[in-house]
Amino acid sequence: MSDVFLTIPEIDRRIAVIRENLRELIEQATAFSGAADEERTSERISEQEEELERLTKQRDELVNQKP
């Protein structure tokens, strides 16, 4: 379709659509960046859970060794 025959209101509508598309694309890019942060956070939580389990087992072993 040729842009030569577009009216000003049609152009304005297209501009609005393009701006909305750009906004959504920026949000998606931010979400992808956030997803990487979320993955790192999830890994850190997993590490902390493993450390908690290790320390809990260690504590339980020490408690059970006492006469």
C-alpha atoms as a PDB file:
ATOM      1  CA  MET A   1       0.000   0.000   0.000  1.00  0.00           C
ATOM      2  CA  SER A   2       1.375   3.378  -0.960  1.00  0.00           C
ATOM      3  CA  ASP A   3       1.772   6.002   1.757  1.00  0.00           C
ATOM      4  CA  VAL A   4       1.155   8.740  -0.821  1.00  0.00           C
ATOM      5  CA  PHE A   5      -2.634   8.487  -0.420  1.00  0.00           C
ATOM      6  CA  LEU A   6      -2.749   8.537   3.394  1.00  0.00           C
ATOM      7  CA  THR A   7      -4.627  11.311   5.113  1.00  0.00           C
ATOM      8  CA  ILE A   8      -3.244  13.124   8.133  1.00  0.00           C
ATOM      9  CA  PRO A   9      -5.564  11.213  10.517  1.00  0.00           C
ATOM     10  CA  GLU A  10      -4.392   7.919   8.959  1.00  0.00           C
ATOM     11  CA  ILE A  11      -0.768   8.934   9.389  1.00  0.00           C
ATOM     12  CA  ASP A  12      -1.497   9.970  12.980  1.00  0.00           C
ATOM     13  CA  ARG A  13      -3.067   6.550  13.628  1.00  0.00           C
ATOM     14  CA  ARG A  14      -0.043   4.781  12.153  1.00  0.00           C
ATOM     15  CA  ILE A  15       2.301   6.919  14.231  1.00  0.00           C
ATOM     16  CA  ALA A  16       0.308   6.011  17.332  1.00  0.00           C
ATOM     17  CA  VAL A  17       0.506   2.314  16.435  1.00  0.00           C
ATOM     18  CA  ILE A  18       4.247   2.533  15.837  1.00  0.00           C
ATOM     19  CA  ARG A  19       4.772   4.345  19.153  1.00  0.00           C
ATOM     20  CA  GLU A  20       2.771   1.662  20.927  1.00  0.00           C
ATOM     21  CA  ASN A  21       4.793  -1.063  19.185  1.00  0.00           C
ATOM     22  CA  LEU A  22       8.015   0.645  20.258  1.00  0.00           C
ATOM     23  CA  ARG A  23       6.774   0.909  23.842  1.00  0.00           C
ATOM     24  CA  GLU A  24       5.926  -2.791  23.867  1.00  0.00           C
ATOM     25  CA  LEU A  25       9.276  -3.719  22.338  1.00  0.00           C
ATOM     26  CA  ILE A  26      11.110  -1.692  24.985  1.00  0.00           C
ATOM     27  CA  GLU A  27       9.076  -3.397  27.709  1.00  0.00           C
ATOM     28  CA  GLN A  28       9.890  -6.803  26.222  1.00  0.00           C
ATOM     29  CA  ALA A  29      13.598  -5.963  26.121  1.00  0.00           C
ATOM     30  CA  THR A  30      13.409  -4.876  29.746  1.00  0.00           C
ATOM     31  CA  ALA A  31      11.555  -8.070  30.635  1.00  0.00           C
ATOM     32  CA  PHE A  32      14.226 -10.175  28.972  1.00  0.00           C
ATOM     33  CA  SER A  33      16.874  -8.313  30.910  1.00  0.00           C
ATOM     34  CA  GLY A  34      14.785  -8.854  34.046  1.00  0.00           C
ATOM     35  CA  ALA A  35      14.500 -12.535  33.255  1.00  0.00           C
ATOM     36  CA  ALA A  36      18.275 -12.833  33.348  1.00  0.00           C
ATOM     37  CA  ASP A  37      18.232 -11.082  36.718  1.00  0.00           C
ATOM     38  CA  GLU A  38      15.455 -13.385  37.846  1.00  0.00           C
ATOM     39  CA  GLU A  39      17.512 -16.403  36.809  1.00  0.00           C
ATOM     40  CA  ARG A  40      20.507 -15.148  38.789  1.00  0.00           C
ATOM     41  CA  THR A  41      18.247 -14.549  41.773  1.00  0.00           C
ATOM     42  CA  SER A  42      16.829 -18.049  41.434  1.00  0.00           C
ATOM     43  CA  GLU A  43      20.347 -19.498  41.304  1.00  0.00           C
ATOM     44  CA  ARG A  44      21.305 -17.543  44.404  1.00  0.00           C
ATOM     45  CA  ILE A  45      18.218 -18.808  46.237  1.00  0.00           C
ATOM     46  CA  SER A  46      19.116 -22.361  45.242  1.00  0.00           C
ATOM     47  CA  GLU A  47      22.672 -21.884  46.518  1.00  0.00           C
ATOM     48  CA  GLN A  48      21.348 -20.528  49.789  1.00  0.00           C
ATOM     49  CA  GLU A  49      18.918 -23.444  50.153  1.00  0.00           C
ATOM     50  CA  GLU A  50      21.778 -25.891  49.593  1.00  0.00           C
ATOM     51  CA  GLU A  51      23.905 -24.087  52.156  1.00  0.00           C
ATOM     52  CA  LEU A  52      21.013 -24.114  54.634  1.00  0.00           C
ATOM     53  CA  GLU A  53      20.561 -27.846  54.139  1.00  0.00           C
ATOM     54  CA  ARG A  54      24.283 -28.471  54.577  1.00  0.00           C
ATOM     55  CA  LEU A  55      24.432 -26.411  57.771  1.00  0.00           C
ATOM     56  CA  THR A  56      21.266 -28.020  59.138  1.00  0.00           C
ATOM     57  CA  LYS A  57      22.740 -31.481  58.611  1.00  0.00           C
ATOM     58  CA  GLN A  58      25.995 -30.392  60.193  1.00  0.00           C
ATOM     59  CA  ARG A  59      24.150 -28.982  63.203  1.00  0.00           C
ATOM     60  CA  ASP A  60      22.041 -32.152  63.544  1.00  0.00           C
ATOM     61  CA  GLU A  61      25.185 -34.298  63.492  1.00  0.00           C
ATOM     62  CA  LEU A  62      26.781 -32.200  66.230  1.00  0.00           C
ATOM     63  CA  VAL A  63      23.638 -32.342  68.369  1.00  0.00           C
ATOM     64  CA  ASN A  64      23.429 -36.105  67.991  1.00  0.00           C
ATOM     65  CA  GLN A  65      27.112 -36.579  68.972  1.00  0.00           C
ATOM     66  CA  LYS A  66      26.642 -35.094  72.424  1.00  0.00           C
ATOM     67  CA  PRO A  67      26.189 -37.675  75.221  1.00  0.00           C
END
